[in-house]
PDB file of N, CA and C in Angstrom:
ATOM      1  N   MET A   1      11.053  23.586 -10.110  1.00  0.00           N
ATOM      2  CA  MET A   1      10.324  22.848  -9.113  1.00  0.00           C
ATOM      3  C   MET A   1      11.040  23.041  -7.765  1.00  0.00           C
ATOM      4  N   PRO A   2      10.292  23.370  -6.727  1.00  0.00           N
ATOM      5  CA  PRO A   2      10.923  23.544  -5.411  1.00  0.00           C
ATOM      6  C   PRO A   2      11.625  22.264  -4.955  1.00  0.00           C
ATOM      7  N   THR A   3      12.729  22.439  -4.245  1.00  0.00           N
ATOM      8  CA  THR A   3      13.542  21.311  -3.813  1.00  0.00           C
ATOM      9  C   THR A   3      12.738  20.287  -3.023  1.00  0.00           C
ATOM     10  N   ASP A   4      11.876  20.755  -2.106  1.00  0.00           N
ATOM     11  CA  ASP A   4      11.114  19.806  -1.297  1.00  0.00           C
ATOM     12  C   ASP A   4      10.126  19.009  -2.148  1.00  0.00           C
ATOM     13  N   THR A   5       9.579  19.617  -3.187  1.00  0.00           N
ATOM     14  CA  THR A   5       8.665  18.916  -4.085  1.00  0.00           C
ATOM     15  C   THR A   5       9.417  17.848  -4.880  1.00  0.00           C
ATOM     16  N   LEU A   6      10.576  18.202  -5.380  1.00  0.00           N
ATOM     17  CA  LEU A   6      11.396  17.255  -6.132  1.00  0.00           C
ATOM     18  C   LEU A   6      11.798  16.086  -5.235  1.00  0.00           C
ATOM     19  N   LEU A   7      12.193  16.370  -4.008  1.00  0.00           N
ATOM     20  CA  LEU A   7      12.565  15.313  -3.072  1.00  0.00           C
ATOM     21  C   LEU A   7      11.383  14.387  -2.793  1.00  0.00           C
ATOM     22  N   PHE A   8      10.197  14.954  -2.649  1.00  0.00           N
ATOM     23  CA  PHE A   8       9.002  14.139  -2.425  1.00  0.00           C
ATOM     24  C   PHE A   8       8.792  13.172  -3.584  1.00  0.00           C
ATOM     25  N   HIS A   9       8.883  13.675  -4.812  1.00  0.00           N
ATOM     26  CA  HIS A   9       8.633  12.836  -5.981  1.00  0.00           C
ATOM     27  C   HIS A   9       9.712  11.763  -6.160  1.00  0.00           C
ATOM     28  N   LEU A  10      10.950  12.091  -5.871  1.00  0.00           N
ATOM     29  CA  LEU A  10      12.012  11.086  -5.949  1.00  0.00           C
ATOM     30  C   LEU A  10      11.811  10.001  -4.889  1.00  0.00           C
ATOM     31  N   THR A  11      11.395  10.406  -3.695  1.00  0.00           N
ATOM     32  CA  THR A  11      11.114   9.435  -2.636  1.00  0.00           C
ATOM     33  C   THR A  11       9.936   8.557  -3.021  1.00  0.00           C
ATOM     34  N   ARG A  12       8.906   9.144  -3.575  1.00  0.00           N
ATOM     35  CA  ARG A  12       7.729   8.380  -4.007  1.00  0.00           C
ATOM     36  C   ARG A  12       8.110   7.388  -5.093  1.00  0.00           C
ATOM     37  N   MET A  13       8.944   7.808  -6.045  1.00  0.00           N
ATOM     38  CA  MET A  13       9.373   6.920  -7.125  1.00  0.00           C
ATOM     39  C   MET A  13      10.159   5.737  -6.567  1.00  0.00           C
ATOM     40  N   THR A  14      11.026   5.988  -5.598  1.00  0.00           N
ATOM     41  CA  THR A  14      11.777   4.912  -4.963  1.00  0.00           C
ATOM     42  C   THR A  14      10.828   3.955  -4.262  1.00  0.00           C
ATOM     43  N   HIS A  15       9.835   4.485  -3.590  1.00  0.00           N
ATOM     44  CA  HIS A  15       8.852   3.637  -2.909  1.00  0.00           C
ATOM     45  C   HIS A  15       8.112   2.750  -3.908  1.00  0.00           C
ATOM     46  N   MET A  16       7.691   3.326  -5.010  1.00  0.00           N
ATOM     47  CA  MET A  16       6.939   2.552  -6.004  1.00  0.00           C
ATOM     48  C   MET A  16       7.755   1.398  -6.563  1.00  0.00           C
ATOM     49  N   GLY A  17       9.027   1.607  -6.775  1.00  0.00           N
ATOM     50  CA  GLY A  17       9.851   0.563  -7.364  1.00  0.00           C
ATOM     51  C   GLY A  17      10.383  -0.452  -6.376  1.00  0.00           C
ATOM     52  N   ALA A  18      10.579  -0.038  -5.119  1.00  0.00           N
ATOM     53  CA  ALA A  18      11.251  -0.924  -4.177  1.00  0.00           C
ATOM     54  C   ALA A  18      10.380  -1.428  -3.034  1.00  0.00           C
ATOM     55  N   SER A  19       9.299  -0.737  -2.731  1.00  0.00           N
ATOM     56  CA  SER A  19       8.553  -1.107  -1.526  1.00  0.00           C
ATOM     57  C   SER A  19       7.068  -1.306  -1.730  1.00  0.00           C
ATOM     58  N   CYS A  20       6.499  -0.740  -2.763  1.00  0.00           N
ATOM     59  CA  CYS A  20       5.048  -0.781  -2.947  1.00  0.00           C
ATOM     60  C   CYS A  20       4.569  -2.208  -3.214  1.00  0.00           C
ATOM     61  N   VAL A  21       3.636  -2.665  -2.385  1.00  0.00           N
ATOM     62  CA  VAL A  21       3.065  -3.994  -2.572  1.00  0.00           C
ATOM     63  C   VAL A  21       1.627  -3.918  -3.074  1.00  0.00           C
ATOM     64  N   GLY A  22       1.171  -2.705  -3.416  1.00  0.00           N
ATOM     65  CA  GLY A  22      -0.155  -2.537  -3.998  1.00  0.00           C
ATOM     66  C   GLY A  22      -1.300  -2.590  -3.004  1.00  0.00           C
ATOM     67  N   CYS A  23      -1.078  -2.126  -1.780  1.00  0.00           N
ATOM     68  CA  CYS A  23      -2.120  -2.209  -0.755  1.00  0.00           C
ATOM     69  C   CYS A  23      -3.257  -1.210  -0.974  1.00  0.00           C
ATOM     70  N   GLY A  24      -2.984  -0.106  -1.691  1.00  0.00           N
ATOM     71  CA  GLY A  24      -4.021   0.880  -1.972  1.00  0.00           C
ATOM     72  C   GLY A  24      -4.189   1.957  -0.917  1.00  0.00           C
ATOM     73  N   ALA A  25      -3.359   1.967   0.124  1.00  0.00           N
ATOM     74  CA  ALA A  25      -3.479   2.971   1.185  1.00  0.00           C
ATOM     75  C   ALA A  25      -3.293   4.388   0.640  1.00  0.00           C
ATOM     76  N   CYS A  26      -2.438   4.556  -0.342  1.00  0.00           N
ATOM     77  CA  CYS A  26      -2.206   5.877  -0.924  1.00  0.00           C
ATOM     78  C   CYS A  26      -3.474   6.402  -1.597  1.00  0.00           C
ATOM     79  N   GLU A  27      -4.163   5.521  -2.297  1.00  0.00           N
ATOM     80  CA  GLU A  27      -5.394   5.907  -2.991  1.00  0.00           C
ATOM     81  C   GLU A  27      -6.506   6.242  -1.997  1.00  0.00           C
ATOM     82  N   GLU A  28      -6.603   5.464  -0.933  1.00  0.00           N
ATOM     83  CA  GLU A  28      -7.603   5.749   0.090  1.00  0.00           C
ATOM     84  C   GLU A  28      -7.357   7.090   0.765  1.00  0.00           C
ATOM     85  N   ALA A  29      -6.083   7.457   0.929  1.00  0.00           N
ATOM     86  CA  ALA A  29      -5.735   8.701   1.618  1.00  0.00           C
ATOM     87  C   ALA A  29      -5.802   9.926   0.710  1.00  0.00           C
ATOM     88  N   CYS A  30      -5.853   9.736  -0.594  1.00  0.00           N
ATOM     89  CA  CYS A  30      -5.830  10.865  -1.529  1.00  0.00           C
ATOM     90  C   CYS A  30      -7.116  11.678  -1.428  1.00  0.00           C
ATOM     91  N   PRO A  31      -7.001  12.969  -1.099  1.00  0.00           N
ATOM     92  CA  PRO A  31      -8.194  13.805  -0.964  1.00  0.00           C
ATOM     93  C   PRO A  31      -8.835  14.187  -2.302  1.00  0.00           C
ATOM     94  N   ASN A  32      -8.160  13.898  -3.418  1.00  0.00           N
ATOM     95  CA  ASN A  32      -8.667  14.291  -4.736  1.00  0.00           C
ATOM     96  C   ASN A  32      -9.175  13.114  -5.562  1.00  0.00           C
ATOM     97  N   ASP A  33      -9.298  11.957  -4.939  1.00  0.00           N
ATOM     98  CA  ASP A  33      -9.795  10.751  -5.614  1.00  0.00           C
ATOM     99  C   ASP A  33      -9.031  10.419  -6.896  1.00  0.00           C
ATOM    100  N   ILE A  34      -7.729  10.603  -6.861  1.00  0.00           N
ATOM    101  CA  ILE A  34      -6.875  10.247  -7.997  1.00  0.00           C
ATOM    102  C   ILE A  34      -6.611   8.744  -7.929  1.00  0.00           C
ATOM    103  N   PRO A  35      -6.704   8.023  -9.045  1.00  0.00           N
ATOM    104  CA  PRO A  35      -6.447   6.571  -9.028  1.00  0.00           C
ATOM    105  C   PRO A  35      -4.954   6.268  -8.891  1.00  0.00           C
ATOM    106  N   LEU A  36      -4.398   6.604  -7.739  1.00  0.00           N
ATOM    107  CA  LEU A  36      -2.958   6.482  -7.523  1.00  0.00           C
ATOM    108  C   LEU A  36      -2.447   5.060  -7.682  1.00  0.00           C
ATOM    109  N   LEU A  37      -3.209   4.086  -7.244  1.00  0.00           N
ATOM    110  CA  LEU A  37      -2.741   2.710  -7.313  1.00  0.00           C
ATOM    111  C   LEU A  37      -2.451   2.301  -8.760  1.00  0.00           C
ATOM    112  N   LYS A  38      -3.315   2.666  -9.679  1.00  0.00           N
ATOM    113  CA  LYS A  38      -3.083   2.334 -11.095  1.00  0.00           C
ATOM    114  C   LYS A  38      -1.825   3.026 -11.613  1.00  0.00           C
ATOM    115  N   ILE A  39      -1.675   4.289 -11.266  1.00  0.00           N
ATOM    116  CA  ILE A  39      -0.509   5.056 -11.724  1.00  0.00           C
ATOM    117  C   ILE A  39       0.766   4.472 -11.142  1.00  0.00           C
ATOM    118  N   PHE A  40       0.751   4.228  -9.833  1.00  0.00           N
ATOM    119  CA  PHE A  40       1.943   3.714  -9.171  1.00  0.00           C
ATOM    120  C   PHE A  40       2.289   2.310  -9.641  1.00  0.00           C
ATOM    121  N   GLN A  41       1.286   1.494  -9.929  1.00  0.00           N
ATOM    122  CA  GLN A  41       1.562   0.143 -10.419  1.00  0.00           C
ATOM    123  C   GLN A  41       2.201   0.178 -11.803  1.00  0.00           C
ATOM    124  N   LEU A  42       1.767   1.087 -12.659  1.00  0.00           N
ATOM    125  CA  LEU A  42       2.387   1.208 -13.986  1.00  0.00           C
ATOM    126  C   LEU A  42       3.864   1.545 -13.863  1.00  0.00           C
ATOM    127  N   ILE A  43       4.166   2.550 -13.050  1.00  0.00           N
ATOM    128  CA  ILE A  43       5.556   2.967 -12.861  1.00  0.00           C
ATOM    129  C   ILE A  43       6.338   1.870 -12.145  1.00  0.00           C
ATOM    130  N   GLY A  44       5.768   1.351 -11.061  1.00  0.00           N
ATOM    131  CA  GLY A  44       6.439   0.319 -10.279  1.00  0.00           C
ATOM    132  C   GLY A  44       6.754  -0.910 -11.098  1.00  0.00           C
ATOM    133  N   ASN A  45       5.828  -1.339 -11.930  1.00  0.00           N
ATOM    134  CA  ASN A  45       6.055  -2.523 -12.763  1.00  0.00           C
ATOM    135  C   ASN A  45       7.245  -2.329 -13.688  1.00  0.00           C
ATOM    136  N   ASP A  46       7.356  -1.149 -14.279  1.00  0.00           N
ATOM    137  CA  ASP A  46       8.490  -0.879 -15.172  1.00  0.00           C
ATOM    138  C   ASP A  46       9.813  -0.944 -14.416  1.00  0.00           C
ATOM    139  N   VAL A  47       9.850  -0.309 -13.259  1.00  0.00           N
ATOM    140  CA  VAL A  47      11.083  -0.299 -12.454  1.00  0.00           C
ATOM    141  C   VAL A  47      11.412  -1.706 -11.973  1.00  0.00           C
ATOM    142  N   GLN A  48      10.397  -2.435 -11.540  1.00  0.00           N
ATOM    143  CA  GLN A  48      10.613  -3.792 -11.042  1.00  0.00           C
ATOM    144  C   GLN A  48      11.113  -4.723 -12.139  1.00  0.00           C
ATOM    145  N   LYS A  49      10.601  -4.583 -13.344  1.00  0.00           N
ATOM    146  CA  LYS A  49      11.095  -5.386 -14.468  1.00  0.00           C
ATOM    147  C   LYS A  49      12.544  -5.033 -14.779  1.00  0.00           C
ATOM    148  N   LEU A  50      12.833  -3.747 -14.748  1.00  0.00           N
ATOM    149  CA  LEU A  50      14.179  -3.277 -15.053  1.00  0.00           C
ATOM    150  C   LEU A  50      15.213  -3.894 -14.115  1.00  0.00           C
ATOM    151  N   PHE A  51      14.867  -4.015 -12.836  1.00  0.00           N
ATOM    152  CA  PHE A  51      15.795  -4.543 -11.846  1.00  0.00           C
ATOM    153  C   PHE A  51      15.499  -5.988 -11.430  1.00  0.00           C
ATOM    154  N   ASP A  52      14.546  -6.632 -12.105  1.00  0.00           N
ATOM    155  CA  ASP A  52      14.153  -8.007 -11.776  1.00  0.00           C
ATOM    156  C   ASP A  52      13.896  -8.131 -10.280  1.00  0.00           C
ATOM    157  N   TYR A  53      12.992  -7.294  -9.785  1.00  0.00           N
ATOM    158  CA  TYR A  53      12.726  -7.210  -8.351  1.00  0.00           C
ATOM    159  C   TYR A  53      11.221  -7.157  -8.111  1.00  0.00           C
ATOM    160  N   THR A  54      10.752  -7.903  -7.107  1.00  0.00           N
ATOM    161  CA  THR A  54       9.356  -7.866  -6.699  1.00  0.00           C
ATOM    162  C   THR A  54       9.294  -7.527  -5.215  1.00  0.00           C
ATOM    163  N   PRO A  55       8.701  -6.374  -4.859  1.00  0.00           N
ATOM    164  CA  PRO A  55       8.621  -6.001  -3.446  1.00  0.00           C
ATOM    165  C   PRO A  55       7.882  -7.057  -2.634  1.00  0.00           C
ATOM    166  N   GLY A  56       8.426  -7.386  -1.479  1.00  0.00           N
ATOM    167  CA  GLY A  56       7.787  -8.327  -0.586  1.00  0.00           C
ATOM    168  C   GLY A  56       8.027  -9.793  -0.910  1.00  0.00           C
ATOM    169  N   ARG A  57       8.722 -10.070  -1.998  1.00  0.00           N
ATOM    170  CA  ARG A  57       8.958 -11.459  -2.416  1.00  0.00           C
ATOM    171  C   ARG A  57       9.860 -12.187  -1.426  1.00  0.00           C
ATOM    172  N   SER A  58      10.919 -11.531  -0.986  1.00  0.00           N
ATOM    173  CA  SER A  58      11.861 -12.173  -0.088  1.00  0.00           C
ATOM    174  C   SER A  58      12.623 -11.130   0.714  1.00  0.00           C
ATOM    175  N   LEU A  59      12.832 -11.406   1.977  1.00  0.00           N
ATOM    176  CA  LEU A  59      13.633 -10.515   2.813  1.00  0.00           C
ATOM    177  C   LEU A  59      15.110 -10.610   2.465  1.00  0.00           C
ATOM    178  N   GLU A  60      15.471 -11.632   1.720  1.00  0.00           N
ATOM    179  CA  GLU A  60      16.870 -11.837   1.328  1.00  0.00           C
ATOM    180  C   GLU A  60      17.268 -10.994   0.114  1.00  0.00           C
ATOM    181  N   ASP A  61      16.298 -10.537  -0.673  1.00  0.00           N
ATOM    182  CA  ASP A  61      16.595  -9.736  -1.865  1.00  0.00           C
ATOM    183  C   ASP A  61      17.118  -8.363  -1.466  1.00  0.00           C
ATOM    184  N   ASP A  62      18.139  -7.898  -2.169  1.00  0.00           N
ATOM    185  CA  ASP A  62      18.619  -6.533  -1.967  1.00  0.00           C
ATOM    186  C   ASP A  62      17.639  -5.562  -2.608  1.00  0.00           C
ATOM    187  N   LEU A  63      17.383  -4.452  -1.942  1.00  0.00           N
ATOM    188  CA  LEU A  63      16.540  -3.412  -2.533  1.00  0.00           C
ATOM    189  C   LEU A  63      17.300  -2.775  -3.690  1.00  0.00           C
ATOM    190  N   PRO A  64      16.649  -2.537  -4.824  1.00  0.00           N
ATOM    191  CA  PRO A  64      17.347  -1.959  -5.975  1.00  0.00           C
ATOM    192  C   PRO A  64      18.137  -0.682  -5.660  1.00  0.00           C
ATOM    193  N   PRO A  65      17.615   0.254  -4.840  1.00  0.00           N
ATOM    194  CA  PRO A  65      18.417   1.461  -4.584  1.00  0.00           C
ATOM    195  C   PRO A  65      19.657   1.208  -3.721  1.00  0.00           C
ATOM    196  N   THR A  66      19.741   0.051  -3.074  1.00  0.00           N
ATOM    197  CA  THR A  66      20.881  -0.207  -2.192  1.00  0.00           C
ATOM    198  C   THR A  66      21.894  -1.171  -2.798  1.00  0.00           C
ATOM    199  N   ALA A  67      21.584  -1.747  -3.942  1.00  0.00           N
ATOM    200  CA  ALA A  67      22.471  -2.738  -4.553  1.00  0.00           C
ATOM    201  C   ALA A  67      22.983  -2.219  -5.892  1.00  0.00           C
ATOM    202  N   PHE A  68      24.279  -2.009  -5.975  1.00  0.00           N
ATOM    203  CA  PHE A  68      24.880  -1.553  -7.224  1.00  0.00           C
ATOM    204  C   PHE A  68      25.535  -2.735  -7.916  1.00  0.00           C
ATOM    205  N   ARG A  69      25.197  -2.911  -9.166  1.00  0.00           N
ATOM    206  CA  ARG A  69      25.828  -3.952  -9.981  1.00  0.00           C
ATOM    207  C   ARG A  69      26.440  -3.266 -11.200  1.00  0.00           C
ATOM    208  N   GLU A  70      27.710  -3.407 -11.338  1.00  0.00           N
ATOM    209  CA  GLU A  70      28.428  -2.682 -12.378  1.00  0.00           C
ATOM    210  C   GLU A  70      27.922  -2.993 -13.781  1.00  0.00           C
ATOM    211  N   ASP A  71      27.416  -4.203 -13.989  1.00  0.00           N
ATOM    212  CA  ASP A  71      26.996  -4.602 -15.330  1.00  0.00           C
ATOM    213  C   ASP A  71      25.539  -4.270 -15.640  1.00  0.00           C
ATOM    214  N   GLU A  72      24.777  -3.742 -14.667  1.00  0.00           N
ATOM    215  CA  GLU A  72      23.375  -3.467 -14.952  1.00  0.00           C
ATOM    216  C   GLU A  72      23.223  -2.189 -15.770  1.00  0.00           C
ATOM    217  N   LEU A  73      22.190  -2.147 -16.523  1.00  0.00           N
ATOM    218  CA  LEU A  73      21.830  -0.999 -17.356  1.00  0.00           C
ATOM    219  C   LEU A  73      22.892  -0.670 -18.410  1.00  0.00           C
ATOM    220  N   GLN A  74      23.638  -1.671 -18.849  1.00  0.00           N
ATOM    221  CA  GLN A  74      24.657  -1.470 -19.875  1.00  0.00           C
ATOM    222  C   GLN A  74      24.054  -0.998 -21.195  1.00  0.00           C
ATOM    223  N   TRP A  75      22.807  -1.343 -21.428  1.00  0.00           N
ATOM    224  CA  TRP A  75      22.147  -1.053 -22.697  1.00  0.00           C
ATOM    225  C   TRP A  75      21.801   0.432 -22.847  1.00  0.00           C
ATOM    226  N   ILE A  76      21.813   1.194 -21.777  1.00  0.00           N
ATOM    227  CA  ILE A  76      21.441   2.611 -21.864  1.00  0.00           C
ATOM    228  C   ILE A  76      22.437   3.344 -22.766  1.00  0.00           C
ATOM    229  N   GLY A  77      21.922   4.067 -23.706  1.00  0.00           N
ATOM    230  CA  GLY A  77      22.744   4.822 -24.633  1.00  0.00           C
ATOM    231  C   GLY A  77      23.143   4.060 -25.872  1.00  0.00           C
ATOM    232  N   GLU A  78      22.736   2.812 -25.975  1.00  0.00           N
ATOM    233  CA  GLU A  78      23.081   2.004 -27.140  1.00  0.00           C
ATOM    234  C   GLU A  78      22.151   2.204 -28.312  1.00  0.00           C
ATOM    235  N   LYS A  79      20.989   2.805 -28.069  1.00  0.00           N
ATOM    236  CA  LYS A  79      20.000   2.942 -29.147  1.00  0.00           C
ATOM    237  C   LYS A  79      20.209   4.189 -29.939  1.00  0.00           C
TER     238      LYS A  79
END
């Protein structure tokens, strides 16, 4: 995958988990009529549950990509 494409997808994934409030602007702008809002909400919900974060809930909350907690995600690799 070209570097710029990979960077785009990583940026989009970060947006879905940390900033997306479900406004639907992405779906309106899509020239291929892809139901982006449904797709992004599925991914975003998983990420938001993982980090106990809701975009737009509070300006006081740290964004998941900017807050490191040493004890988070301890369960990875335990299964």
